[in-house]
Full PDB file with SEQRES, HELIX, SHEET, SSBOND, CRYST1, ORIGX, SCALE, CONECT and MASTER records, all heavy atoms in Angstrom:
SEQRES   1 A   33  GLY SER GLU ARG GLU PHE VAL ALA ALA ILE THR LYS SER          
SEQRES   2 A   33  GLY LYS ASN GLY ALA LEU THR TYR TYR ALA GLN PRO VAL          
SEQRES   3 A   33  LYS GLY ARG VAL ARG ILE ALA                                  
SHEET    1 AA1 2 ALA A   8  ILE A  10  0                                        
SHEET    2 AA1 2 THR A  20  TYR A  22 -1                                        
CRYST1    1.000    1.000    1.000  90.00  90.00  90.00 P 1           1          
ORIGX1      1.000000  0.000000  0.000000        0.00000                         
ORIGX2      0.000000  1.000000  0.000000        0.00000                         
ORIGX3      0.000000  0.000000  1.000000        0.00000                         
SCALE1      1.000000  0.000000  0.000000        0.00000                         
SCALE2      0.000000  1.000000  0.000000        0.00000                         
SCALE3      0.000000  0.000000  1.000000        0.00000                         
ATOM      1  N   GLY A   1       0.773  -1.225   0.000  1.00  0.00           N  
ATOM      2  CA  GLY A   1       0.000   0.000   0.000  1.00  0.00           C  
ATOM      3  C   GLY A   1       0.805   1.276   0.000  1.00  0.00           C  
ATOM      4  O   GLY A   1       0.233   2.362   0.143  1.00  0.00           O  
ATOM      5  N   SER A   2       2.120   1.187  -0.169  1.00  0.00           N  
ATOM      6  CA  SER A   2       2.984   2.358  -0.110  1.00  0.00           C  
ATOM      7  C   SER A   2       3.775   2.525  -1.398  1.00  0.00           C  
ATOM      8  O   SER A   2       3.884   1.613  -2.209  1.00  0.00           O  
ATOM      9  CB  SER A   2       3.955   2.251   1.067  1.00  0.00           C  
ATOM     10  OG  SER A   2       3.265   2.147   2.296  1.00  0.00           O  
ATOM     11  N   GLU A   3       4.343   3.714  -1.562  1.00  0.00           N  
ATOM     12  CA  GLU A   3       5.207   3.982  -2.697  1.00  0.00           C  
ATOM     13  C   GLU A   3       6.580   3.372  -2.476  1.00  0.00           C  
ATOM     14  O   GLU A   3       6.989   3.108  -1.347  1.00  0.00           O  
ATOM     15  CB  GLU A   3       5.336   5.491  -2.920  1.00  0.00           C  
ATOM     16  CG  GLU A   3       4.037   6.186  -3.267  1.00  0.00           C  
ATOM     17  CD  GLU A   3       4.230   7.661  -3.529  1.00  0.00           C  
ATOM     18  OE1 GLU A   3       5.357   8.167  -3.345  1.00  0.00           O  
ATOM     19  OE2 GLU A   3       3.261   8.314  -3.939  1.00  0.00           O  
ATOM     20  N   ARG A   4       7.279   3.142  -3.557  1.00  0.00           N  
ATOM     21  CA  ARG A   4       8.624   2.633  -3.463  1.00  0.00           C  
ATOM     22  C   ARG A   4       9.518   3.650  -2.760  1.00  0.00           C  
ATOM     23  O   ARG A   4       9.458   4.848  -3.045  1.00  0.00           O  
ATOM     24  CB  ARG A   4       9.163   2.315  -4.858  1.00  0.00           C  
ATOM     25  CG  ARG A   4      10.397   1.433  -4.859  1.00  0.00           C  
ATOM     26  CD  ARG A   4      10.709   0.939  -6.272  1.00  0.00           C  
ATOM     27  NE  ARG A   4       9.615   0.158  -6.825  1.00  0.00           N  
ATOM     28  CZ  ARG A   4       9.655  -0.447  -8.007  1.00  0.00           C  
ATOM     29  NH1 ARG A   4      10.741  -0.361  -8.750  1.00  0.00           N  
ATOM     30  NH2 ARG A   4       8.602  -1.129  -8.441  1.00  0.00           N  
ATOM     31  N   GLU A   5      10.358   3.180  -1.840  1.00  0.00           N  
ATOM     32  CA  GLU A   5      11.165   4.067  -1.029  1.00  0.00           C  
ATOM     33  C   GLU A   5      12.622   3.632  -0.996  1.00  0.00           C  
ATOM     34  O   GLU A   5      12.949   2.456  -1.138  1.00  0.00           O  
ATOM     35  CB  GLU A   5      10.617   4.146   0.396  1.00  0.00           C  
ATOM     36  CG  GLU A   5      10.654   2.817   1.134  1.00  0.00           C  
ATOM     37  CD  GLU A   5      10.041   2.898   2.516  1.00  0.00           C  
ATOM     38  OE1 GLU A   5      10.133   3.971   3.154  1.00  0.00           O  
ATOM     39  OE2 GLU A   5       9.459   1.887   2.962  1.00  0.00           O  
ATOM     40  N   PHE A   6      13.463   4.599  -0.757  1.00  0.00           N  
ATOM     41  CA  PHE A   6      14.897   4.382  -0.674  1.00  0.00           C  
ATOM     42  C   PHE A   6      15.266   3.606   0.578  1.00  0.00           C  
ATOM     43  O   PHE A   6      14.729   3.861   1.659  1.00  0.00           O  
ATOM     44  CB  PHE A   6      15.606   5.738  -0.681  1.00  0.00           C  
ATOM     45  CG  PHE A   6      17.073   5.676  -0.401  1.00  0.00           C  
ATOM     46  CD1 PHE A   6      17.962   5.180  -1.341  1.00  0.00           C  
ATOM     47  CD2 PHE A   6      17.570   6.134   0.802  1.00  0.00           C  
ATOM     48  CE1 PHE A   6      19.315   5.131  -1.086  1.00  0.00           C  
ATOM     49  CE2 PHE A   6      18.923   6.096   1.075  1.00  0.00           C  
ATOM     50  CZ  PHE A   6      19.797   5.593   0.122  1.00  0.00           C  
ATOM     51  N   VAL A   7      16.190   2.671   0.440  1.00  0.00           N  
ATOM     52  CA  VAL A   7      16.703   1.903   1.569  1.00  0.00           C  
ATOM     53  C   VAL A   7      18.187   2.187   1.791  1.00  0.00           C  
ATOM     54  O   VAL A   7      18.603   2.565   2.888  1.00  0.00           O  
ATOM     55  CB  VAL A   7      16.482   0.396   1.372  1.00  0.00           C  
ATOM     56  CG1 VAL A   7      17.137  -0.399   2.502  1.00  0.00           C  
ATOM     57  CG2 VAL A   7      14.994   0.079   1.286  1.00  0.00           C  
ATOM     58  N   ALA A   8      18.981   2.000   0.754  1.00  0.00           N  
ATOM     59  CA  ALA A   8      20.425   2.166   0.880  1.00  0.00           C  
ATOM     60  C   ALA A   8      21.035   2.375  -0.489  1.00  0.00           C  
ATOM     61  O   ALA A   8      20.465   1.987  -1.509  1.00  0.00           O  
ATOM     62  CB  ALA A   8      21.058   0.945   1.554  1.00  0.00           C  
ATOM     63  N   ALA A   9      22.209   2.992  -0.522  1.00  0.00           N  
ATOM     64  CA  ALA A   9      22.916   3.212  -1.772  1.00  0.00           C  
ATOM     65  C   ALA A   9      24.411   3.070  -1.545  1.00  0.00           C  
ATOM     66  O   ALA A   9      24.911   3.231  -0.421  1.00  0.00           O  
ATOM     67  CB  ALA A   9      22.594   4.594  -2.349  1.00  0.00           C  
ATOM     68  N   ILE A  10      25.112   2.781  -2.621  1.00  0.00           N  
ATOM     69  CA  ILE A  10      26.555   2.639  -2.563  1.00  0.00           C  
ATOM     70  C   ILE A  10      27.149   3.220  -3.839  1.00  0.00           C  
ATOM     71  O   ILE A  10      26.615   3.049  -4.925  1.00  0.00           O  
ATOM     72  CB  ILE A  10      26.954   1.154  -2.367  1.00  0.00           C  
ATOM     73  CG1 ILE A  10      28.454   1.012  -2.098  1.00  0.00           C  
ATOM     74  CG2 ILE A  10      26.523   0.305  -3.561  1.00  0.00           C  
ATOM     75  CD1 ILE A  10      28.832  -0.378  -1.586  1.00  0.00           C  
ATOM     76  N   THR A  11      28.272   3.917  -3.681  1.00  0.00           N  
ATOM     77  CA  THR A  11      28.920   4.529  -4.826  1.00  0.00           C  
ATOM     78  C   THR A  11      29.767   3.518  -5.574  1.00  0.00           C  
ATOM     79  O   THR A  11      29.933   2.369  -5.153  1.00  0.00           O  
ATOM     80  CB  THR A  11      29.812   5.695  -4.389  1.00  0.00           C  
ATOM     81  OG1 THR A  11      30.903   5.190  -3.609  1.00  0.00           O  
ATOM     82  CG2 THR A  11      29.031   6.714  -3.575  1.00  0.00           C  
ATOM     83  N   LYS A  12      30.327   3.945  -6.690  1.00  0.00           N  
ATOM     84  CA  LYS A  12      31.334   3.144  -7.361  1.00  0.00           C  
ATOM     85  C   LYS A  12      32.537   2.979  -6.441  1.00  0.00           C  
ATOM     86  O   LYS A  12      32.768   3.802  -5.549  1.00  0.00           O  
ATOM     87  CB  LYS A  12      31.787   3.809  -8.664  1.00  0.00           C  
ATOM     88  CG  LYS A  12      30.699   3.961  -9.707  1.00  0.00           C  
ATOM     89  CD  LYS A  12      31.272   4.360 -11.059  1.00  0.00           C  
ATOM     90  CE  LYS A  12      32.001   5.683 -10.997  1.00  0.00           C  
ATOM     91  NZ  LYS A  12      32.503   6.093 -12.353  1.00  0.00           N  
ATOM     92  N   SER A  13      33.279   1.929  -6.657  1.00  0.00           N  
ATOM     93  CA  SER A  13      34.472   1.690  -5.868  1.00  0.00           C  
ATOM     94  C   SER A  13      35.588   2.600  -6.354  1.00  0.00           C  
ATOM     95  O   SER A  13      36.003   2.533  -7.515  1.00  0.00           O  
ATOM     96  CB  SER A  13      34.907   0.233  -5.979  1.00  0.00           C  
ATOM     97  OG  SER A  13      33.909  -0.639  -5.474  1.00  0.00           O  
ATOM     98  N   GLY A  14      36.074   3.454  -5.478  1.00  0.00           N  
ATOM     99  CA  GLY A  14      37.176   4.351  -5.788  1.00  0.00           C  
ATOM    100  C   GLY A  14      38.431   3.959  -5.037  1.00  0.00           C  
ATOM    101  O   GLY A  14      38.509   2.887  -4.426  1.00  0.00           O  
ATOM    102  N   LYS A  15      39.411   4.849  -5.067  1.00  0.00           N  
ATOM    103  CA  LYS A  15      40.674   4.545  -4.406  1.00  0.00           C  
ATOM    104  C   LYS A  15      40.508   4.378  -2.903  1.00  0.00           C  
ATOM    105  O   LYS A  15      41.321   3.710  -2.259  1.00  0.00           O  
ATOM    106  CB  LYS A  15      41.705   5.622  -4.716  1.00  0.00           C  
ATOM    107  CG  LYS A  15      41.338   7.003  -4.200  1.00  0.00           C  
ATOM    108  CD  LYS A  15      42.429   8.003  -4.524  1.00  0.00           C  
ATOM    109  CE  LYS A  15      42.103   9.380  -3.981  1.00  0.00           C  
ATOM    110  NZ  LYS A  15      43.173  10.360  -4.282  1.00  0.00           N  
ATOM    111  N   ASN A  16      39.482   4.996  -2.342  1.00  0.00           N  
ATOM    112  CA  ASN A  16      39.193   4.879  -0.918  1.00  0.00           C  
ATOM    113  C   ASN A  16      38.021   3.946  -0.647  1.00  0.00           C  
ATOM    114  O   ASN A  16      37.419   3.995   0.424  1.00  0.00           O  
ATOM    115  CB  ASN A  16      38.920   6.253  -0.328  1.00  0.00           C  
ATOM    116  CG  ASN A  16      40.119   7.164  -0.388  1.00  0.00           C  
ATOM    117  OD1 ASN A  16      41.236   6.734  -0.114  1.00  0.00           O  
ATOM    118  ND2 ASN A  16      39.894   8.420  -0.751  1.00  0.00           N  
ATOM    119  N   GLY A  17      37.699   3.101  -1.587  1.00  0.00           N  
ATOM    120  CA  GLY A  17      36.578   2.201  -1.448  1.00  0.00           C  
ATOM    121  C   GLY A  17      35.287   2.849  -1.886  1.00  0.00           C  
ATOM    122  O   GLY A  17      35.284   3.868  -2.573  1.00  0.00           O  
ATOM    123  N   ALA A  18      34.179   2.261  -1.492  1.00  0.00           N  
ATOM    124  CA  ALA A  18      32.861   2.752  -1.835  1.00  0.00           C  
ATOM    125  C   ALA A  18      32.199   3.379  -0.617  1.00  0.00           C  
ATOM    126  O   ALA A  18      32.337   2.882   0.504  1.00  0.00           O  
ATOM    127  CB  ALA A  18      31.993   1.618  -2.379  1.00  0.00           C  
ATOM    128  N   LEU A  19      31.483   4.463  -0.845  1.00  0.00           N  
ATOM    129  CA  LEU A  19      30.732   5.122   0.216  1.00  0.00           C  
ATOM    130  C   LEU A  19      29.317   4.577   0.249  1.00  0.00           C  
ATOM    131  O   LEU A  19      28.749   4.252  -0.794  1.00  0.00           O  
ATOM    132  CB  LEU A  19      30.710   6.629   0.000  1.00  0.00           C  
ATOM    133  CG  LEU A  19      32.068   7.327  -0.043  1.00  0.00           C  
ATOM    134  CD1 LEU A  19      31.888   8.815  -0.303  1.00  0.00           C  
ATOM    135  CD2 LEU A  19      32.827   7.104   1.253  1.00  0.00           C  
ATOM    136  N   THR A  20      28.755   4.488   1.447  1.00  0.00           N  
ATOM    137  CA  THR A  20      27.419   3.938   1.615  1.00  0.00           C  
ATOM    138  C   THR A  20      26.506   4.942   2.284  1.00  0.00           C  
ATOM    139  O   THR A  20      26.950   5.797   3.066  1.00  0.00           O  
ATOM    140  CB  THR A  20      27.448   2.651   2.441  1.00  0.00           C  
ATOM    141  OG1 THR A  20      28.030   2.911   3.729  1.00  0.00           O  
ATOM    142  CG2 THR A  20      28.273   1.584   1.736  1.00  0.00           C  
ATOM    143  N   TYR A  21      25.218   4.814   2.001  1.00  0.00           N  
ATOM    144  CA  TYR A  21      24.201   5.712   2.531  1.00  0.00           C  
ATOM    145  C   TYR A  21      22.964   4.899   2.875  1.00  0.00           C  
ATOM    146  O   TYR A  21      22.624   3.944   2.171  1.00  0.00           O  
ATOM    147  CB  TYR A  21      23.846   6.800   1.506  1.00  0.00           C  
ATOM    148  CG  TYR A  21      25.056   7.554   1.015  1.00  0.00           C  
ATOM    149  CD1 TYR A  21      25.779   7.087  -0.069  1.00  0.00           C  
ATOM    150  CD2 TYR A  21      25.475   8.712   1.652  1.00  0.00           C  
ATOM    151  CE1 TYR A  21      26.902   7.765  -0.513  1.00  0.00           C  
ATOM    152  CE2 TYR A  21      26.596   9.394   1.221  1.00  0.00           C  
ATOM    153  CZ  TYR A  21      27.310   8.919   0.135  1.00  0.00           C  
ATOM    154  OH  TYR A  21      28.425   9.594  -0.296  1.00  0.00           O  
ATOM    155  N   TYR A  22      22.275   5.287   3.955  1.00  0.00           N  
ATOM    156  CA  TYR A  22      21.145   4.513   4.448  1.00  0.00           C  
ATOM    157  C   TYR A  22      19.973   5.412   4.799  1.00  0.00           C  
ATOM    158  O   TYR A  22      20.161   6.530   5.298  1.00  0.00           O  
ATOM    159  CB  TYR A  22      21.536   3.713   5.688  1.00  0.00           C  
ATOM    160  CG  TYR A  22      22.646   2.729   5.439  1.00  0.00           C  
ATOM    161  CD1 TYR A  22      23.965   3.065   5.719  1.00  0.00           C  
ATOM    162  CD2 TYR A  22      22.376   1.469   4.919  1.00  0.00           C  
ATOM    163  CE1 TYR A  22      24.988   2.169   5.483  1.00  0.00           C  
ATOM    164  CE2 TYR A  22      23.398   0.569   4.684  1.00  0.00           C  
ATOM    165  CZ  TYR A  22      24.704   0.921   4.966  1.00  0.00           C  
ATOM    166  OH  TYR A  22      25.721   0.022   4.726  1.00  0.00           O  
ATOM    167  N   ALA A  23      18.786   4.902   4.545  1.00  0.00           N  
ATOM    168  CA  ALA A  23      17.590   5.568   5.026  1.00  0.00           C  
ATOM    169  C   ALA A  23      17.502   5.414   6.537  1.00  0.00           C  
ATOM    170  O   ALA A  23      17.902   4.393   7.103  1.00  0.00           O  
ATOM    171  CB  ALA A  23      16.346   4.979   4.363  1.00  0.00           C  
ATOM    172  N   GLN A  24      16.982   6.424   7.203  1.00  0.00           N  
ATOM    173  CA  GLN A  24      16.930   6.424   8.657  1.00  0.00           C  
ATOM    174  C   GLN A  24      16.208   5.217   9.260  1.00  0.00           C  
ATOM    175  O   GLN A  24      16.674   4.672  10.264  1.00  0.00           O  
ATOM    176  CB  GLN A  24      16.308   7.722   9.168  1.00  0.00           C  
ATOM    177  CG  GLN A  24      16.468   7.944  10.662  1.00  0.00           C  
ATOM    178  CD  GLN A  24      17.916   8.050  11.082  1.00  0.00           C  
ATOM    179  OE1 GLN A  24      18.337   7.433  12.068  1.00  0.00           O  
ATOM    180  NE2 GLN A  24      18.691   8.825  10.326  1.00  0.00           N  
ATOM    181  N   PRO A  25      15.090   4.751   8.686  1.00  0.00           N  
ATOM    182  CA  PRO A  25      14.397   3.614   9.308  1.00  0.00           C  
ATOM    183  C   PRO A  25      15.207   2.328   9.370  1.00  0.00           C  
ATOM    184  O   PRO A  25      14.906   1.465  10.198  1.00  0.00           O  
ATOM    185  CB  PRO A  25      13.154   3.439   8.419  1.00  0.00           C  
ATOM    186  CG  PRO A  25      12.938   4.777   7.810  1.00  0.00           C  
ATOM    187  CD  PRO A  25      14.317   5.318   7.580  1.00  0.00           C  
ATOM    188  N   VAL A  26      16.214   2.190   8.517  1.00  0.00           N  
ATOM    189  CA  VAL A  26      16.985   0.951   8.495  1.00  0.00           C  
ATOM    190  C   VAL A  26      18.420   1.141   8.962  1.00  0.00           C  
ATOM    191  O   VAL A  26      19.156   0.152   9.117  1.00  0.00           O  
ATOM    192  CB  VAL A  26      16.995   0.318   7.085  1.00  0.00           C  
ATOM    193  CG1 VAL A  26      15.580   0.027   6.618  1.00  0.00           C  
ATOM    194  CG2 VAL A  26      17.720   1.218   6.090  1.00  0.00           C  
ATOM    195  N   LYS A  27      18.822   2.361   9.192  1.00  0.00           N  
ATOM    196  CA  LYS A  27      20.204   2.638   9.571  1.00  0.00           C  
ATOM    197  C   LYS A  27      20.562   1.891  10.850  1.00  0.00           C  
ATOM    198  O   LYS A  27      19.833   1.931  11.840  1.00  0.00           O  
ATOM    199  CB  LYS A  27      20.414   4.131   9.760  1.00  0.00           C  
ATOM    200  CG  LYS A  27      21.868   4.540   9.911  1.00  0.00           C  
ATOM    201  CD  LYS A  27      22.018   6.046   9.912  1.00  0.00           C  
ATOM    202  CE  LYS A  27      23.468   6.464  10.027  1.00  0.00           C  
ATOM    203  NZ  LYS A  27      24.259   6.027   8.851  1.00  0.00           N  
ATOM    204  N   GLY A  28      21.691   1.202  10.816  1.00  0.00           N  
ATOM    205  CA  GLY A  28      22.133   0.404  11.943  1.00  0.00           C  
ATOM    206  C   GLY A  28      21.669  -1.036  11.894  1.00  0.00           C  
ATOM    207  O   GLY A  28      22.190  -1.872  12.642  1.00  0.00           O  
ATOM    208  N   ARG A  29      20.704  -1.340  11.044  1.00  0.00           N  
ATOM    209  CA  ARG A  29      20.171  -2.691  10.941  1.00  0.00           C  
ATOM    210  C   ARG A  29      20.498  -3.352   9.610  1.00  0.00           C  
ATOM    211  O   ARG A  29      20.295  -4.558   9.458  1.00  0.00           O  
ATOM    212  CB  ARG A  29      18.656  -2.692  11.144  1.00  0.00           C  
ATOM    213  CG  ARG A  29      18.216  -2.157  12.494  1.00  0.00           C  
ATOM    214  CD  ARG A  29      16.727  -2.383  12.741  1.00  0.00           C  
ATOM    215  NE  ARG A  29      15.905  -1.655  11.784  1.00  0.00           N  
ATOM    216  CZ  ARG A  29      15.126  -2.232  10.884  1.00  0.00           C  
ATOM    217  NH1 ARG A  29      15.055  -3.547  10.811  1.00  0.00           N  
ATOM    218  NH2 ARG A  29      14.399  -1.491  10.065  1.00  0.00           N  
ATOM    219  N   VAL A  30      20.961  -2.583   8.654  1.00  0.00           N  
ATOM    220  CA  VAL A  30      21.282  -3.134   7.342  1.00  0.00           C  
ATOM    221  C   VAL A  30      22.664  -2.656   6.909  1.00  0.00           C  
ATOM    222  O   VAL A  30      23.184  -1.655   7.404  1.00  0.00           O  
ATOM    223  CB  VAL A  30      20.241  -2.762   6.267  1.00  0.00           C  
ATOM    224  CG1 VAL A  30      18.832  -3.070   6.750  1.00  0.00           C  
ATOM    225  CG2 VAL A  30      20.358  -1.293   5.879  1.00  0.00           C  
ATOM    226  N   ARG A  31      23.245  -3.407   5.991  1.00  0.00           N  
ATOM    227  CA  ARG A  31      24.519  -3.016   5.412  1.00  0.00           C  
ATOM    228  C   ARG A  31      24.492  -3.316   3.923  1.00  0.00           C  
ATOM    229  O   ARG A  31      24.181  -4.437   3.520  1.00  0.00           O  
ATOM    230  CB  ARG A  31      25.688  -3.751   6.064  1.00  0.00           C  
ATOM    231  CG  ARG A  31      27.048  -3.210   5.645  1.00  0.00           C  
ATOM    232  CD  ARG A  31      28.169  -3.897   6.398  1.00  0.00           C  
ATOM    233  NE  ARG A  31      28.639  -5.084   5.706  1.00  0.00           N  
ATOM    234  CZ  ARG A  31      29.622  -5.082   4.809  1.00  0.00           C  
ATOM    235  NH1 ARG A  31      30.233  -3.949   4.485  1.00  0.00           N  
ATOM    236  NH2 ARG A  31      30.001  -6.214   4.240  1.00  0.00           N  
ATOM    237  N   ILE A  32      24.807  -2.309   3.122  1.00  0.00           N  
ATOM    238  CA  ILE A  32      24.911  -2.489   1.685  1.00  0.00           C  
ATOM    239  C   ILE A  32      26.379  -2.696   1.340  1.00  0.00           C  
ATOM    240  O   ILE A  32      27.262  -2.046   1.891  1.00  0.00           O  
ATOM    241  CB  ILE A  32      24.308  -1.292   0.917  1.00  0.00           C  
ATOM    242  CG1 ILE A  32      24.267  -1.572  -0.585  1.00  0.00           C  
ATOM    243  CG2 ILE A  32      25.049   0.000   1.214  1.00  0.00           C  
ATOM    244  CD1 ILE A  32      23.484  -0.534  -1.373  1.00  0.00           C  
ATOM    245  N   ALA A  33      26.635  -3.617   0.435  1.00  0.00           N  
ATOM    246  CA  ALA A  33      28.003  -3.913   0.041  1.00  0.00           C  
ATOM    247  C   ALA A  33      28.023  -4.347  -1.415  1.00  0.00           C  
ATOM    248  O   ALA A  33      26.995  -4.735  -1.975  1.00  0.00           O  
ATOM    249  CB  ALA A  33      28.596  -5.005   0.929  1.00  0.00           C  
TER     250      ALA A  33                                                      
MASTER        0    0    0    0    2    0    0    6  249    1    0    3          
END                                                                             
């Protein structure tokens, strides 16, 4: 019954690795890799 929503994102792998981002409702409970 809801619209599609953001969960997590990850950047391309760079020299310092990939950066990750999380939606607040799942932050701390999920990991994107």
